[in-house]
Amino acid sequence: MSKEVEFKNRDRFIQLGIAIAALRKMRGMSQEKLAELSNVSRSHISAIEAPGIVRPFSLEVFYNIADALDIDPADLINASVFPDKILTNSKKNK
């Protein structure tokens, strides 16, 4: 399995990392605590959250992070930093 991320998925990984970082901070949780609860290293969490880095990670890690943040995985994947105007202009609404 390749660790390279397809171009079309790069922004998705970055957006997910930003959502994870924002929720972690809202929960008052350090990267160290999230890493401990997710069974990954702090450096892995740091790389996932870094907005300028595309760090692919497994579904297992994703589910562990969602559990540690006490959020449904679907809600985490749907978390967005885009304004409502952009969100309401989805393919479903066309």
N, C-alpha and C. Protein backbone atom coordinates (compact mmCIF):
# COMPACT_ATOMS: atom_id res chain seq x y z
N MET A 1 0.85 -1.18 0.00
CA MET A 1 0.00 0.00 0.00
C MET A 1 0.89 1.24 0.00
N SER A 2 0.63 2.13 -0.92
CA SER A 2 1.44 3.33 -1.07
C SER A 2 1.10 4.36 0.00
N LYS A 3 2.12 5.06 0.46
CA LYS A 3 1.91 6.14 1.44
C LYS A 3 1.67 7.46 0.73
N GLU A 4 1.80 7.48 -0.59
CA GLU A 4 1.56 8.69 -1.36
C GLU A 4 0.07 8.99 -1.37
N VAL A 5 -0.27 10.25 -1.22
CA VAL A 5 -1.66 10.68 -1.23
C VAL A 5 -1.97 11.25 -2.60
N GLU A 6 -3.06 10.78 -3.20
CA GLU A 6 -3.48 11.32 -4.48
C GLU A 6 -3.76 12.81 -4.33
N PHE A 7 -3.48 13.55 -5.37
CA PHE A 7 -3.65 15.00 -5.33
C PHE A 7 -5.04 15.39 -4.88
N LYS A 8 -6.08 14.68 -5.37
CA LYS A 8 -7.45 15.06 -5.04
C LYS A 8 -7.77 14.86 -3.55
N ASN A 9 -6.97 14.07 -2.86
CA ASN A 9 -7.22 13.81 -1.43
C ASN A 9 -6.35 14.65 -0.51
N ARG A 10 -5.41 15.37 -1.05
CA ARG A 10 -4.50 16.17 -0.21
C ARG A 10 -5.25 17.16 0.66
N ASP A 11 -6.13 17.92 0.07
CA ASP A 11 -6.89 18.91 0.83
C ASP A 11 -7.79 18.25 1.86
N ARG A 12 -8.28 17.07 1.56
CA ARG A 12 -9.14 16.36 2.52
C ARG A 12 -8.36 15.98 3.77
N PHE A 13 -7.15 15.48 3.60
CA PHE A 13 -6.32 15.14 4.76
C PHE A 13 -5.95 16.39 5.56
N ILE A 14 -5.63 17.46 4.85
CA ILE A 14 -5.29 18.71 5.54
C ILE A 14 -6.50 19.22 6.31
N GLN A 15 -7.67 19.24 5.69
CA GLN A 15 -8.88 19.71 6.35
C GLN A 15 -9.21 18.84 7.57
N LEU A 16 -9.06 17.54 7.45
CA LEU A 16 -9.33 16.65 8.56
C LEU A 16 -8.36 16.92 9.71
N GLY A 17 -7.10 17.14 9.39
CA GLY A 17 -6.11 17.45 10.42
C GLY A 17 -6.43 18.74 11.14
N ILE A 18 -6.89 19.73 10.40
CA ILE A 18 -7.27 21.01 11.01
C ILE A 18 -8.47 20.82 11.92
N ALA A 19 -9.45 20.02 11.48
CA ALA A 19 -10.63 19.75 12.31
C ALA A 19 -10.25 19.02 13.59
N ILE A 20 -9.34 18.06 13.48
CA ILE A 20 -8.87 17.32 14.66
C ILE A 20 -8.20 18.27 15.63
N ALA A 21 -7.33 19.13 15.12
CA ALA A 21 -6.62 20.08 15.98
C ALA A 21 -7.59 21.03 16.67
N ALA A 22 -8.55 21.55 15.92
CA ALA A 22 -9.52 22.50 16.49
C ALA A 22 -10.35 21.83 17.59
N LEU A 23 -10.83 20.63 17.33
CA LEU A 23 -11.65 19.94 18.32
C LEU A 23 -10.83 19.56 19.55
N ARG A 24 -9.59 19.14 19.32
CA ARG A 24 -8.71 18.81 20.44
C ARG A 24 -8.53 20.02 21.35
N LYS A 25 -8.30 21.17 20.74
CA LYS A 25 -8.11 22.40 21.52
C LYS A 25 -9.39 22.80 22.24
N MET A 26 -10.53 22.65 21.56
CA MET A 26 -11.81 22.95 22.21
C MET A 26 -12.07 22.04 23.41
N ARG A 27 -11.56 20.83 23.33
CA ARG A 27 -11.72 19.87 24.42
C ARG A 27 -10.68 20.10 25.53
N GLY A 28 -9.76 21.06 25.31
CA GLY A 28 -8.73 21.35 26.30
C GLY A 28 -7.72 20.23 26.44
N MET A 29 -7.47 19.55 25.35
CA MET A 29 -6.61 18.37 25.35
C MET A 29 -5.28 18.69 24.68
N SER A 30 -4.19 18.24 25.26
CA SER A 30 -2.87 18.41 24.64
C SER A 30 -2.67 17.35 23.55
N GLN A 31 -1.70 17.60 22.69
CA GLN A 31 -1.35 16.58 21.70
C GLN A 31 -0.88 15.30 22.39
N GLU A 32 -0.16 15.46 23.48
CA GLU A 32 0.33 14.28 24.22
C GLU A 32 -0.83 13.43 24.72
N LYS A 33 -1.88 14.08 25.27
CA LYS A 33 -3.03 13.34 25.79
C LYS A 33 -3.79 12.66 24.66
N LEU A 34 -3.99 13.38 23.56
CA LEU A 34 -4.68 12.78 22.41
C LEU A 34 -3.90 11.60 21.88
N ALA A 35 -2.60 11.74 21.79
CA ALA A 35 -1.76 10.64 21.32
C ALA A 35 -1.88 9.43 22.23
N GLU A 36 -1.84 9.67 23.53
CA GLU A 36 -1.95 8.58 24.50
C GLU A 36 -3.29 7.86 24.35
N LEU A 37 -4.37 8.61 24.27
CA LEU A 37 -5.70 8.01 24.17
C LEU A 37 -5.94 7.35 22.81
N SER A 38 -5.19 7.77 21.79
CA SER A 38 -5.35 7.23 20.44
C SER A 38 -4.37 6.12 20.11
N ASN A 39 -3.46 5.84 21.03
CA ASN A 39 -2.43 4.80 20.82
C ASN A 39 -1.52 5.11 19.64
N VAL A 40 -1.14 6.38 19.50
CA VAL A 40 -0.16 6.78 18.49
C VAL A 40 0.84 7.72 19.16
N SER A 41 1.90 8.03 18.47
CA SER A 41 2.90 8.93 19.05
C SER A 41 2.43 10.38 18.95
N ARG A 42 2.99 11.21 19.81
CA ARG A 42 2.68 12.64 19.76
C ARG A 42 3.13 13.24 18.44
N SER A 43 4.25 12.76 17.92
CA SER A 43 4.75 13.29 16.65
C SER A 43 3.80 12.94 15.50
N HIS A 44 3.14 11.79 15.59
CA HIS A 44 2.16 11.41 14.56
C HIS A 44 0.96 12.37 14.62
N ILE A 45 0.48 12.65 15.83
CA ILE A 45 -0.63 13.61 16.00
C ILE A 45 -0.21 14.98 15.47
N SER A 46 0.99 15.39 15.80
CA SER A 46 1.50 16.68 15.35
C SER A 46 1.52 16.75 13.82
N ALA A 47 1.97 15.69 13.17
CA ALA A 47 2.03 15.66 11.71
C ALA A 47 0.63 15.65 11.10
N ILE A 48 -0.31 14.93 11.72
CA ILE A 48 -1.69 14.90 11.22
C ILE A 48 -2.30 16.30 11.30
N GLU A 49 -2.04 17.00 12.39
CA GLU A 49 -2.63 18.32 12.60
C GLU A 49 -1.95 19.45 11.84
N ALA A 50 -0.74 19.26 11.40
CA ALA A 50 0.02 20.33 10.74
C ALA A 50 -0.65 20.71 9.42
N PRO A 51 -1.05 21.98 9.28
CA PRO A 51 -1.79 22.39 8.08
C PRO A 51 -0.98 22.35 6.79
N GLY A 52 0.34 22.41 6.87
CA GLY A 52 1.15 22.39 5.67
C GLY A 52 1.69 21.02 5.30
N ILE A 53 1.28 20.01 6.05
CA ILE A 53 1.79 18.66 5.81
C ILE A 53 0.63 17.73 5.51
N VAL A 54 0.80 16.88 4.52
CA VAL A 54 -0.21 15.86 4.24
C VAL A 54 0.31 14.57 4.85
N ARG A 55 -0.34 14.14 5.91
CA ARG A 55 0.08 12.92 6.60
C ARG A 55 -1.06 11.91 6.54
N PRO A 56 -1.00 10.97 5.60
CA PRO A 56 -2.05 9.96 5.56
C PRO A 56 -2.00 9.08 6.80
N PHE A 57 -3.16 8.61 7.23
CA PHE A 57 -3.22 7.72 8.38
C PHE A 57 -4.35 6.74 8.19
N SER A 58 -4.25 5.63 8.90
CA SER A 58 -5.18 4.52 8.72
C SER A 58 -6.55 4.83 9.32
N LEU A 59 -7.52 4.04 8.91
CA LEU A 59 -8.85 4.15 9.51
C LEU A 59 -8.81 3.81 10.99
N GLU A 60 -7.96 2.88 11.37
CA GLU A 60 -7.84 2.53 12.78
C GLU A 60 -7.40 3.74 13.60
N VAL A 61 -6.41 4.46 13.11
CA VAL A 61 -5.94 5.67 13.80
C VAL A 61 -7.06 6.70 13.81
N PHE A 62 -7.75 6.86 12.69
CA PHE A 62 -8.86 7.81 12.60
C PHE A 62 -9.93 7.48 13.64
N TYR A 63 -10.32 6.21 13.73
CA TYR A 63 -11.35 5.82 14.72
C TYR A 63 -10.85 6.02 16.14
N ASN A 64 -9.58 5.73 16.38
CA ASN A 64 -9.01 5.95 17.72
C ASN A 64 -9.03 7.42 18.09
N ILE A 65 -8.72 8.28 17.14
CA ILE A 65 -8.74 9.73 17.39
C ILE A 65 -10.16 10.19 17.65
N ALA A 66 -11.10 9.73 16.84
CA ALA A 66 -12.51 10.11 17.05
C ALA A 66 -12.98 9.68 18.43
N ASP A 67 -12.65 8.46 18.83
CA ASP A 67 -13.04 7.97 20.17
C ASP A 67 -12.41 8.82 21.26
N ALA A 68 -11.14 9.15 21.10
CA ALA A 68 -10.43 9.95 22.10
C ALA A 68 -11.03 11.35 22.21
N LEU A 69 -11.53 11.88 21.10
CA LEU A 69 -12.15 13.21 21.09
C LEU A 69 -13.64 13.15 21.43
N ASP A 70 -14.14 11.94 21.64
CA ASP A 70 -15.54 11.72 22.00
C ASP A 70 -16.48 12.32 20.95
N ILE A 71 -16.21 11.95 19.69
CA ILE A 71 -17.02 12.42 18.58
C ILE A 71 -17.29 11.24 17.65
N ASP A 72 -18.46 11.20 17.08
CA ASP A 72 -18.78 10.17 16.10
C ASP A 72 -17.85 10.36 14.90
N PRO A 73 -17.26 9.29 14.39
CA PRO A 73 -16.34 9.43 13.25
C PRO A 73 -16.96 10.15 12.06
N ALA A 74 -18.24 9.91 11.81
CA ALA A 74 -18.91 10.59 10.69
C ALA A 74 -18.96 12.09 10.91
N ASP A 75 -19.19 12.51 12.15
CA ASP A 75 -19.21 13.94 12.44
C ASP A 75 -17.83 14.56 12.29
N LEU A 76 -16.81 13.80 12.64
CA LEU A 76 -15.45 14.32 12.49
C LEU A 76 -15.09 14.46 11.01
N ILE A 77 -15.47 13.49 10.21
CA ILE A 77 -15.14 13.54 8.79
C ILE A 77 -15.92 14.67 8.10
N ASN A 78 -17.10 14.97 8.63
CA ASN A 78 -17.92 16.03 8.04
C ASN A 78 -17.61 17.41 8.60
N ALA A 79 -16.76 17.47 9.61
CA ALA A 79 -16.40 18.77 10.18
C ALA A 79 -15.75 19.60 9.09
N SER A 80 -16.04 20.88 9.11
CA SER A 80 -15.53 21.72 8.04
C SER A 80 -15.16 23.10 8.56
N VAL A 81 -14.20 23.70 7.92
CA VAL A 81 -13.80 25.06 8.25
C VAL A 81 -14.32 26.03 7.19
N PHE A 82 -15.15 25.54 6.29
CA PHE A 82 -15.67 26.40 5.24
C PHE A 82 -16.90 27.16 5.72
N PRO A 83 -17.12 28.36 5.18
CA PRO A 83 -18.31 29.13 5.54
C PRO A 83 -19.59 28.41 5.08
N ASP A 84 -20.70 28.71 5.74
CA ASP A 84 -21.99 28.09 5.40
C ASP A 84 -22.35 28.28 3.94
N LYS A 85 -21.99 29.41 3.36
CA LYS A 85 -22.30 29.69 1.96
C LYS A 85 -21.73 28.61 1.04
N ILE A 86 -20.53 28.19 1.31
CA ILE A 86 -19.89 27.15 0.49
C ILE A 86 -20.51 25.79 0.79
N LEU A 87 -20.80 25.52 2.06
CA LEU A 87 -21.34 24.23 2.44
C LEU A 87 -22.72 23.98 1.85
N THR A 88 -23.53 25.01 1.72
CA THR A 88 -24.88 24.82 1.19
C THR A 88 -24.89 24.70 -0.32
N ASN A 89 -23.77 24.94 -0.97
CA ASN A 89 -23.66 24.81 -2.41
C ASN A 89 -23.01 23.48 -2.77
N SER A 90 -23.53 22.41 -2.19
CA SER A 90 -22.95 21.09 -2.44
C SER A 90 -23.58 20.45 -3.67
N LYS A 91 -23.01 19.33 -4.10
CA LYS A 91 -23.51 18.60 -5.25
C LYS A 91 -24.94 18.12 -5.02
N LYS A 92 -25.30 17.81 -3.77
CA LYS A 92 -26.64 17.33 -3.46
C LYS A 92 -27.69 18.40 -3.73
N ASN A 93 -27.33 19.65 -3.62
CA ASN A 93 -28.28 20.73 -3.78
C ASN A 93 -28.44 21.18 -5.21
N LYS A 94 -27.72 20.58 -6.13
CA LYS A 94 -27.78 21.01 -7.53
C LYS A 94 -28.79 20.21 -8.29
